[in-house]
Structures are given as C-alpha cells and as structure tokens.
Amino acid sequence: MMNERILCVDDDVNILEGYRRQLRKEFSLEIAVGPTEGLQVLTTQGPFSVVVSDLQMPEMNGIQFLSKVLELSPDTTRLLLTGKADLQSAIDAINRGKIFRFLTKPCSAEQLADALTAGISQYRLVTAERELLEQTLSGSIKVLCEILSLVNPEAFGRSARITRLVETIARHMQIAELWPIKIAALLSQIGCVILPEAVLKKVYRGETLTSDESQLYNQHPYVAADLVAKIPRMKHVGDIIRLQDKHYDSGGGPDRDRSSHQAPLEARILKVALDFDVLESAGKTRLQSMNELKNRTGRYDPNVLKALNEVIAENPKYDVQQIRACQLRLGMILGEDILTAHDVVLASKGQEVNESITLRIQNSARMSGVKEPFMVLVSVNNESAKTDSGGSRKAA
C-alpha cells in the first residue's frame, strides 16, 4: 500500500501525529492541519488515493471540506471521522461529499487501517474503469479519424496537425486531464463533411470567404458538437468543439452573445491552434503567424498566446527528408500534400503516418503513381521512423 498516498486532515495536530505513528509502516501518509491547509496540500501535492477528514473543524466542517475534495479530485476516495454519529451528519456526508465510509470516534488503528485499505481498493477500481473507458474511447475515435482522413485528407490532415499543437500547449500550461482536449481536437473538423470542397480549400489557404460561405463555414462546429453529443460522457468534449471559434472578447461566430471568457480553457486553446494552423498553411512562417495572432487584439486568451509563443520558441528538432513511397515509416509527419499523378490528394501536409496512410500511398504508387519524392519530417528522437537509406535529408 506504500505506493498509494493518503491525506489525513484534522485541526488537532496531536491526532494527526498519532495517525502517522500508527499507520506509517503500512501506508504513505501526508497530514494537514485544518481544511485550508488540506486543500492546499491536495492541490499542490495530489493526487491522493484516499483523503480522511475530521467532521468538526474551524473554517469549514469535514462535509464541506470533502465536498471541495470531490470537486478538485473526483477519483479520490473520501472518508469522514466524527465523534458525533448522528443520522443527519451521516446523510449530509453521503449526499454532499459522496463519502465512501463514515467512521465514528474512537476509531482503533486497526479499524482505520481496514477502512484505508478498502478506500485504496475503491480508488484503484474507479481509476482503472476510467482509464479503460478513456483508452477504449480514444482508440475508437482514432480509428474513426483514420477512416475519415482517407475520405477527406485535407480536413483530417488539419485535425492531426492541430491535435499535436493543442496537446503541446496543454502540457505546457500544465492541464491535468489531457484526453478531453485531444479528443476535441481530433474531432474538431468532422463537421466539415457538410462543406463544399471549394470552401474548405479557401479556408485552408487563408483566402477570404464570401458572406454565404462564412455563414456555411460557421456552422461546422455545431454540426460536429451535435454528432459528438450522441456519444455517452462526451458532453464536455462537445462543448469544446462547439466553442472552438469563439473570440476571447465578444464571442465571434454565430453565438455572439457568448464570449470565449465563458468558454472552457480547452476551447480557448483550440481556437488559438486552429487560427495558427490556418496562417501556417497559408505559407507564413511560425514567427509571422505568431505575430499575426498577437496583432488580433481581443481574439485570444493572453495566457494561451503566451504558452504558444513559448512552445514554438522551443522549436522541436526534426530531420527533413525527401523520400519515395516505399520508404514511408510509421511516425513520420508529412511535410507536404501527397498527390497522385492526376493531382488527387491522398494525404495532407501535417498528418502523422499511420498504417492506413502508408497503405493508401504505397498502393497508389504501385497502381497509378504518386508524385515522388516528397518531403517528410522525422523527429530526431524517433529512430524507428528514420529511413534505412536513399532519402536525402537536412535538419529543420
């Protein structure tokens, strides 16, 4: 049990030291004197598998404290210790704090140890179920996006590019839960299936849309959000997608009464990544694209812009290679659109090479021909993606 961390909170330091003496051989224990310190420790040193709290404390009681714990760390198992075993306290503890177990004082070390062991088992069960769901969901969505990328390479090539950028920004901003924003970025362009190809090409080239084209294009986040909303437990992801084009100051897009201030942080990150990608796709350098975003006063969350600026300054290292279709390796990033001999787009610039993209390009090369050689980017840390021989290369 030493790998699982437990936080004990009480306003009496002597009681806390007693817990530490009695339980330190079996459990990894942290203590906090009072609810304010408890929340601070939870925020700065968490997550914890189990939080144990006394009921009667100043500032806020144990039920109020554990309700805050539920908001900050919903997977954490919560236990309540009290010397007053009245029915109403038990009801409040269960209803408000979703308490796993309610213990009365005096509570022996053996009883507390048993409760902590059960709490750790509950934590493991909850986190295992969540991780399984997230992995299953992420895998299913990845397959869906791979299929759609074969149907519409430009739209889903864009999804691949912005997903990498969004994840990098989110990690830089120390967002704890990454999967909602990654899924939102992957699915952000599925509403583009309703748009004419000519409109999409104008968007991706940074060209000005007509009034009718803009009205049509502005609907795609809502189409995507409605589709995603049909998937269980994806409401938050749907909200991110729906608000992907909102300006930080006064809304923008169809819902002008709702500004990006009210949008979740993930949607504000997605907005920055999408607009940055449009500028890069139009041929601007990263520095030029960054300066353009900075000049669009009020459109973006300043903290997200700051994070993007710091991220692109880090400049991840890639080898730029000119290769033929037979030299494609998983994990490479396409440095340009891959075209057939008749200029049909097989895969879009920025897409990461996976099995389906490899098969499509290599089969087309054998059957009807593709324009070769073409440019790919290979991370200097990705040995498996490097070509064996024959590819010309230079550093990026």
Protein backbone atom coordinates (compact mmCIF):
# COMPACT_ATOMS: atom_id res chain seq x y z
CA MET A 1 0.00 0.00 0.00
CA MET A 2 3.05 2.28 0.22
CA ASN A 3 2.62 3.30 -3.43
CA GLU A 4 -0.81 4.76 -2.66
CA ARG A 5 -0.77 8.16 -0.96
CA ILE A 6 -3.20 9.13 1.78
CA LEU A 7 -4.01 12.60 3.14
CA CYS A 8 -5.27 12.97 6.72
CA VAL A 9 -6.85 16.29 7.72
CA ASP A 10 -7.71 17.41 11.27
CA ASP A 11 -7.45 20.64 13.22
CA ASP A 12 -5.69 18.78 16.08
CA VAL A 13 -2.02 18.21 15.24
CA ASN A 14 -1.67 15.64 18.05
CA ILE A 15 -4.32 13.43 16.46
CA LEU A 16 -2.56 13.72 13.10
CA GLU A 17 0.79 12.75 14.60
CA GLY A 18 -0.95 9.78 16.21
CA TYR A 19 -2.22 8.63 12.81
CA ARG A 20 1.28 9.00 11.41
CA ARG A 21 2.86 6.88 14.19
CA GLN A 22 0.22 4.16 13.97
CA LEU A 23 -0.04 3.86 10.19
CA ARG A 24 3.33 4.84 8.73
CA LYS A 25 4.52 1.23 8.36
CA GLU A 26 1.54 0.29 6.20
CA PHE A 27 0.69 3.49 4.33
CA SER A 28 2.32 6.52 2.73
CA LEU A 29 0.72 9.26 4.82
CA GLU A 30 0.60 13.05 4.48
CA ILE A 31 -1.02 15.25 7.13
CA ALA A 32 -2.60 18.71 7.00
CA VAL A 33 -3.72 20.85 9.93
CA GLY A 34 -7.19 22.13 9.10
CA PRO A 35 -9.22 22.26 5.89
CA THR A 36 -7.43 25.24 4.31
CA GLU A 37 -4.05 23.53 4.55
CA GLY A 38 -5.71 20.30 3.43
CA LEU A 39 -6.96 21.85 0.19
CA GLN A 40 -3.56 23.43 -0.41
CA VAL A 41 -1.78 20.09 0.03
CA LEU A 42 -4.33 18.37 -2.21
CA THR A 43 -3.80 20.96 -4.94
CA THR A 44 -0.01 21.14 -4.78
CA GLN A 45 0.91 17.56 -3.86
CA GLY A 46 -2.01 15.49 -5.18
CA PRO A 47 -3.45 13.29 -6.38
CA PHE A 48 -4.14 11.19 -3.29
CA SER A 49 -5.83 7.81 -3.32
CA VAL A 50 -7.69 8.50 -0.06
CA VAL A 51 -8.49 11.64 1.95
CA VAL A 52 -9.54 11.24 5.59
CA SER A 53 -11.12 14.21 7.35
CA ASP A 54 -12.46 15.01 10.80
CA LEU A 55 -16.03 16.36 10.88
CA GLN A 56 -15.67 19.18 13.42
CA MET A 57 -13.11 21.71 12.16
CA PRO A 58 -12.96 25.53 12.04
CA GLU A 59 -13.40 27.48 8.77
CA MET A 60 -15.38 24.61 7.22
CA ASN A 61 -16.56 21.29 8.57
CA GLY A 62 -15.48 17.91 7.24
CA ILE A 63 -18.52 17.54 4.98
CA GLN A 64 -17.85 20.90 3.34
CA PHE A 65 -14.16 20.07 3.03
CA LEU A 66 -14.77 16.68 1.41
CA SER A 67 -17.25 18.28 -0.97
CA LYS A 68 -14.37 20.52 -2.12
CA VAL A 69 -12.15 17.45 -2.42
CA LEU A 70 -14.80 15.88 -4.66
CA GLU A 71 -14.65 18.92 -6.98
CA LEU A 72 -10.84 19.02 -7.10
CA SER A 73 -10.12 15.30 -7.24
CA PRO A 74 -13.25 13.29 -8.09
CA ASP A 75 -11.44 9.93 -8.22
CA THR A 76 -10.11 10.25 -4.66
CA THR A 77 -11.86 8.09 -2.06
CA ARG A 78 -13.22 10.18 0.82
CA LEU A 79 -13.53 9.03 4.46
CA LEU A 80 -15.09 11.01 7.33
CA LEU A 81 -14.23 10.64 11.02
CA THR A 82 -16.57 12.04 13.67
CA GLY A 83 -17.26 11.79 17.35
CA LYS A 84 -20.93 12.64 16.74
CA ALA A 85 -22.59 9.74 14.98
CA ASP A 86 -25.94 11.44 14.41
CA LEU A 87 -28.10 10.41 11.48
CA GLN A 88 -28.21 13.85 9.84
CA SER A 89 -24.41 14.09 9.71
CA ALA A 90 -24.25 10.72 8.01
CA ILE A 91 -26.92 11.72 5.47
CA ASP A 92 -25.17 15.02 4.70
CA ALA A 93 -21.81 13.29 4.36
CA ILE A 94 -23.14 10.77 1.86
CA ASN A 95 -25.24 13.23 -0.16
CA ARG A 96 -22.91 16.23 -0.30
CA GLY A 97 -19.44 14.73 -0.17
CA LYS A 98 -20.14 11.33 -1.73
CA ILE A 99 -18.38 9.81 1.29
CA PHE A 100 -17.14 6.26 0.82
CA ARG A 101 -17.09 5.41 4.53
CA PHE A 102 -18.29 7.11 7.71
CA LEU A 103 -16.25 6.25 10.85
CA THR A 104 -17.00 7.16 14.45
CA LYS A 105 -14.52 8.05 17.17
CA PRO A 106 -12.87 6.47 19.00
CA CYS A 107 -11.59 4.57 15.97
CA SER A 108 -8.86 2.00 16.55
CA ALA A 109 -5.76 1.88 14.36
CA GLU A 110 -6.93 -1.50 13.05
CA GLN A 111 -10.37 -0.14 12.08
CA LEU A 112 -8.83 2.88 10.37
CA ALA A 113 -6.30 0.70 8.53
CA ASP A 114 -9.10 -1.55 7.27
CA ALA A 115 -11.05 1.49 6.06
CA LEU A 116 -7.98 2.90 4.31
CA THR A 117 -7.30 -0.43 2.61
CA ALA A 118 -10.89 -0.54 1.37
CA GLY A 119 -10.60 3.08 0.24
CA ILE A 120 -7.46 2.33 -1.76
CA SER A 121 -9.18 -0.62 -3.43
CA GLN A 122 -12.09 1.66 -4.36
CA TYR A 123 -9.68 4.24 -5.80
CA ARG A 124 -7.95 1.59 -7.91
CA LEU A 125 -11.30 0.35 -9.20
CA VAL A 126 -12.53 3.84 -10.14
CA THR A 127 -9.29 4.86 -11.86
CA ALA A 128 -8.96 1.54 -13.70
CA GLU A 129 -12.51 1.86 -15.06
CA ARG A 130 -11.91 5.47 -16.13
CA GLU A 131 -8.59 4.65 -17.79
CA LEU A 132 -10.15 1.71 -19.63
CA LEU A 133 -13.02 3.90 -20.84
CA GLU A 134 -10.66 6.66 -21.97
CA GLN A 135 -8.35 4.23 -23.76
CA THR A 136 -11.27 2.49 -25.47
CA LEU A 137 -12.86 5.78 -26.44
CA SER A 138 -9.58 7.27 -27.64
CA GLY A 139 -8.79 4.16 -29.67
CA SER A 140 -12.23 4.11 -31.29
CA ILE A 141 -12.06 7.80 -32.17
CA LYS A 142 -8.55 7.40 -33.57
CA VAL A 143 -9.80 4.63 -35.89
CA LEU A 144 -12.76 6.81 -36.92
CA CYS A 145 -10.45 9.72 -37.73
CA GLU A 146 -8.12 7.47 -39.73
CA ILE A 147 -11.06 6.31 -41.84
CA LEU A 148 -12.32 9.86 -42.33
CA SER A 149 -8.81 11.02 -43.26
CA LEU A 150 -8.96 8.70 -46.25
CA VAL A 151 -12.27 10.30 -47.30
CA ASN A 152 -11.24 13.92 -46.68
CA PRO A 153 -7.44 14.16 -46.31
CA GLU A 154 -7.33 17.95 -46.08
CA ALA A 155 -9.80 18.31 -43.20
CA PHE A 156 -8.40 15.45 -41.18
CA GLY A 157 -4.82 16.33 -42.00
CA ARG A 158 -5.63 19.58 -40.28
CA SER A 159 -7.04 17.68 -37.30
CA ALA A 160 -3.77 15.78 -36.97
CA ARG A 161 -1.70 18.97 -37.04
CA ILE A 162 -3.75 20.86 -34.50
CA THR A 163 -4.01 17.85 -32.18
CA ARG A 164 -0.23 17.77 -31.81
CA LEU A 165 -0.11 21.53 -31.22
CA VAL A 166 -3.05 21.54 -28.81
CA GLU A 167 -1.53 18.73 -26.74
CA THR A 168 1.83 20.53 -26.60
CA ILE A 169 0.20 23.78 -25.43
CA ALA A 170 -1.97 21.96 -22.87
CA ARG A 171 1.05 20.17 -21.41
CA HIS A 172 2.95 23.46 -21.28
CA MET A 173 0.03 25.01 -19.38
CA GLN A 174 0.05 22.00 -17.03
CA ILE A 175 -3.53 20.96 -17.73
CA ALA A 176 -4.03 17.82 -15.67
CA GLU A 177 -6.54 15.96 -17.85
CA LEU A 178 -5.43 15.93 -21.47
CA TRP A 179 -7.77 13.43 -23.11
CA PRO A 180 -10.82 15.76 -23.49
CA ILE A 181 -8.84 18.38 -25.41
CA LYS A 182 -7.03 15.75 -27.51
CA ILE A 183 -10.34 14.14 -28.46
CA ALA A 184 -11.90 17.55 -29.16
CA ALA A 185 -9.00 18.49 -31.44
CA LEU A 186 -9.21 15.17 -33.30
CA LEU A 187 -12.95 15.59 -33.86
CA SER A 188 -12.98 19.36 -34.36
CA GLN A 189 -13.19 19.08 -38.15
CA ILE A 190 -15.81 16.33 -38.57
CA GLY A 191 -18.46 18.99 -39.22
CA CYS A 192 -16.51 19.90 -42.37
CA VAL A 193 -18.07 16.89 -44.11
CA ILE A 194 -21.06 19.18 -44.84
CA LEU A 195 -18.92 21.79 -46.60
CA PRO A 196 -18.16 22.00 -50.32
CA GLU A 197 -14.54 21.21 -51.15
CA ALA A 198 -14.07 24.67 -52.68
CA VAL A 199 -14.97 26.36 -49.38
CA LEU A 200 -12.56 24.17 -47.43
CA LYS A 201 -9.74 24.93 -49.84
CA LYS A 202 -10.30 28.67 -49.39
CA VAL A 203 -10.27 28.29 -45.59
CA TYR A 204 -7.07 26.25 -45.56
CA ARG A 205 -5.34 28.68 -47.91
CA GLY A 206 -6.33 31.64 -45.75
CA GLU A 207 -8.47 33.17 -48.51
CA THR A 208 -11.41 35.49 -47.77
CA LEU A 209 -14.81 33.80 -47.77
CA THR A 210 -17.98 35.35 -49.17
CA SER A 211 -20.81 36.14 -46.76
CA ASP A 212 -22.67 32.96 -47.73
CA GLU A 213 -19.53 30.86 -47.45
CA SER A 214 -18.75 32.29 -44.00
CA GLN A 215 -22.27 31.54 -42.80
CA LEU A 216 -21.94 27.98 -44.03
CA TYR A 217 -18.47 27.50 -42.56
CA ASN A 218 -19.55 28.89 -39.17
CA GLN A 219 -21.99 26.00 -38.80
CA HIS A 220 -19.40 23.23 -38.86
CA PRO A 221 -18.50 23.36 -35.11
CA TYR A 222 -22.19 22.94 -34.24
CA VAL A 223 -22.60 20.02 -36.62
CA ALA A 224 -19.56 18.36 -35.04
CA ALA A 225 -20.73 19.09 -31.49
CA ASP A 226 -24.17 17.61 -32.21
CA LEU A 227 -22.56 14.44 -33.54
CA VAL A 228 -20.22 14.13 -30.55
CA ALA A 229 -23.08 14.77 -28.10
CA LYS A 230 -24.59 11.44 -29.14
CA ILE A 231 -21.60 9.63 -27.59
CA PRO A 232 -22.01 8.89 -23.83
CA ARG A 233 -19.88 11.01 -21.45
CA MET A 234 -18.73 13.34 -24.22
CA LYS A 235 -20.69 16.48 -23.29
CA HIS A 236 -17.59 18.41 -22.24
CA VAL A 237 -15.78 17.43 -25.44
CA GLY A 238 -18.82 18.58 -27.41
CA ASP A 239 -18.76 21.95 -25.63
CA ILE A 240 -15.08 22.41 -26.53
CA ILE A 241 -15.80 21.65 -30.18
CA ARG A 242 -18.88 23.89 -30.32
CA LEU A 243 -16.95 26.87 -28.90
CA GLN A 244 -13.77 26.35 -30.94
CA ASP A 245 -14.22 29.54 -32.99
CA LYS A 246 -15.27 31.96 -30.23
CA HIS A 247 -13.35 35.20 -29.81
CA TYR A 248 -11.96 35.85 -26.34
CA ASP A 249 -13.54 39.30 -26.06
CA SER A 250 -17.01 39.33 -27.59
CA GLY A 251 -17.91 35.96 -28.97
CA GLY A 252 -17.39 35.88 -32.73
CA GLY A 253 -19.19 33.36 -34.89
CA PRO A 254 -22.93 32.68 -34.68
CA ASP A 255 -23.28 32.94 -30.86
CA ARG A 256 -22.04 36.50 -30.43
CA ASP A 257 -23.66 36.80 -27.01
CA ARG A 258 -21.21 34.30 -25.57
CA SER A 259 -17.56 35.26 -25.35
CA SER A 260 -14.58 32.95 -25.08
CA HIS A 261 -14.17 34.13 -21.46
CA GLN A 262 -17.12 31.84 -20.76
CA ALA A 263 -15.76 29.03 -22.92
CA PRO A 264 -13.67 26.32 -21.24
CA LEU A 265 -9.90 26.75 -21.35
CA GLU A 266 -9.64 23.82 -23.77
CA ALA A 267 -11.81 25.68 -26.30
CA ARG A 268 -9.62 28.77 -25.99
CA ILE A 269 -6.54 26.64 -26.68
CA LEU A 270 -8.25 25.04 -29.67
CA LYS A 271 -9.14 28.48 -31.07
CA VAL A 272 -5.51 29.60 -30.97
CA ALA A 273 -4.24 26.35 -32.51
CA LEU A 274 -6.78 26.46 -35.35
CA ASP A 275 -6.01 30.05 -36.32
CA PHE A 276 -2.27 29.47 -36.05
CA ASP A 277 -2.60 26.46 -38.36
CA VAL A 278 -4.54 28.49 -40.96
CA LEU A 279 -1.75 31.08 -41.06
CA GLU A 280 0.98 28.45 -41.35
CA SER A 281 -0.96 26.62 -44.06
CA ALA A 282 -1.19 29.90 -46.00
CA GLY A 283 2.61 29.97 -46.18
CA LYS A 284 3.55 32.18 -43.24
CA THR A 285 6.47 31.24 -41.02
CA ARG A 286 5.87 30.35 -37.38
CA LEU A 287 7.17 33.75 -36.27
CA GLN A 288 4.97 35.58 -38.79
CA SER A 289 1.94 33.53 -37.72
CA MET A 290 2.62 34.25 -34.05
CA ASN A 291 2.92 37.99 -34.68
CA GLU A 292 -0.32 37.95 -36.69
CA LEU A 293 -2.18 36.36 -33.76
CA LYS A 294 -0.72 38.91 -31.34
CA ASN A 295 -1.96 41.73 -33.56
CA ARG A 296 -5.55 40.45 -33.50
CA THR A 297 -6.41 42.29 -30.31
CA GLY A 298 -9.02 40.65 -28.10
CA ARG A 299 -9.49 37.47 -30.11
CA TYR A 300 -7.42 35.13 -27.96
CA ASP A 301 -6.80 34.27 -24.33
CA PRO A 302 -3.50 36.06 -23.50
CA ASN A 303 -2.32 33.13 -21.37
CA VAL A 304 -2.83 30.71 -24.25
CA LEU A 305 -0.98 33.02 -26.66
CA LYS A 306 1.88 33.25 -24.17
CA ALA A 307 2.03 29.45 -23.94
CA LEU A 308 2.00 29.11 -27.74
CA ASN A 309 4.81 31.65 -28.06
CA GLU A 310 6.91 29.71 -25.56
CA VAL A 311 6.11 26.38 -27.21
CA ILE A 312 7.13 27.43 -30.72
CA ALA A 313 10.28 29.06 -29.34
CA GLU A 314 11.36 25.63 -28.09
CA ASN A 315 11.42 24.50 -31.76
CA PRO A 316 11.36 20.67 -31.63
CA LYS A 317 14.08 19.10 -33.79
CA TYR A 318 13.16 17.29 -36.99
CA ASP A 319 15.11 15.90 -39.89
CA VAL A 320 13.59 16.99 -43.20
CA GLN A 321 13.83 14.13 -45.69
CA GLN A 322 12.93 13.66 -49.34
CA ILE A 323 11.72 10.07 -49.73
CA ARG A 324 9.78 7.76 -52.02
CA ALA A 325 6.55 5.97 -51.09
CA CYS A 326 8.36 2.69 -50.39
CA GLN A 327 10.40 4.45 -47.68
CA LEU A 328 7.44 5.59 -45.57
CA ARG A 329 7.70 4.68 -41.89
CA LEU A 330 5.17 4.91 -39.07
CA GLY A 331 5.56 8.11 -37.06
CA MET A 332 6.84 10.27 -39.89
CA ILE A 333 5.00 13.57 -40.44
CA LEU A 334 4.11 14.53 -43.98
CA GLY A 335 5.84 17.76 -44.94
CA GLU A 336 3.60 18.36 -47.96
CA ASP A 337 0.40 17.09 -49.54
CA ILE A 338 0.89 13.69 -51.16
CA LEU A 339 -0.61 13.77 -54.67
CA THR A 340 -1.39 11.17 -57.29
CA ALA A 341 -0.15 11.60 -60.83
CA HIS A 342 -3.51 13.30 -61.52
CA ASP A 343 -3.19 15.73 -58.55
CA VAL A 344 -5.67 13.95 -56.28
CA VAL A 345 -4.76 14.49 -52.61
CA LEU A 346 -4.02 11.14 -50.95
CA ALA A 347 -2.85 12.55 -47.61
CA SER A 348 -2.46 16.07 -46.30
CA LYS A 349 0.53 18.00 -45.05
CA GLY A 350 0.96 17.60 -41.29
CA GLN A 351 -0.60 14.15 -40.99
CA GLU A 352 1.34 11.60 -38.97
CA VAL A 353 1.99 8.48 -40.99
CA ASN A 354 -0.03 5.51 -39.74
CA GLU A 355 -0.80 2.12 -41.26
CA SER A 356 -3.82 3.26 -43.28
CA ILE A 357 -1.98 6.27 -44.76
CA THR A 358 1.01 4.09 -45.60
CA LEU A 359 -1.16 1.53 -47.38
CA ARG A 360 -3.06 4.19 -49.31
CA ILE A 361 0.06 5.96 -50.56
CA GLN A 362 2.02 2.80 -51.34
CA ASN A 363 -0.92 1.12 -53.10
CA SER A 364 -1.49 4.25 -55.19
CA ALA A 365 2.21 4.39 -56.03
CA ARG A 366 2.09 0.82 -57.33
CA MET A 367 -1.20 1.10 -59.21
CA SER A 368 -1.32 4.59 -60.71
CA GLY A 369 1.69 6.50 -59.44
CA VAL A 370 2.26 9.31 -56.95
CA LYS A 371 4.41 12.42 -57.21
CA GLU A 372 7.78 11.43 -55.77
CA PRO A 373 9.97 12.18 -53.99
CA PHE A 374 8.04 14.02 -51.31
CA MET A 375 9.01 15.71 -48.08
CA VAL A 376 8.57 14.21 -44.60
CA LEU A 377 9.62 15.32 -41.12
CA VAL A 378 11.24 12.82 -38.78
CA SER A 379 11.77 13.57 -35.10
CA VAL A 380 15.45 13.25 -34.23
CA ASN A 381 14.34 11.13 -31.26
CA ASN A 382 12.28 8.69 -33.38
CA GLU A 383 14.75 6.04 -34.54
CA SER A 384 12.03 3.73 -35.90
CA ALA A 385 10.79 6.38 -38.35
CA LYS A 386 14.17 7.05 -39.93
CA THR A 387 14.73 5.69 -43.42
CA ASP A 388 17.31 2.99 -43.92
CA SER A 389 18.87 4.59 -46.99
CA GLY A 390 18.21 6.53 -50.11
CA GLY A 391 16.42 9.53 -48.59
CA SER A 392 18.05 12.94 -48.80
CA ARG A 393 17.88 14.83 -45.54
CA LYS A 394 18.56 18.13 -43.84
CA ALA A 395 17.90 19.45 -40.32
CA ALA A 396 14.81 21.53 -39.54
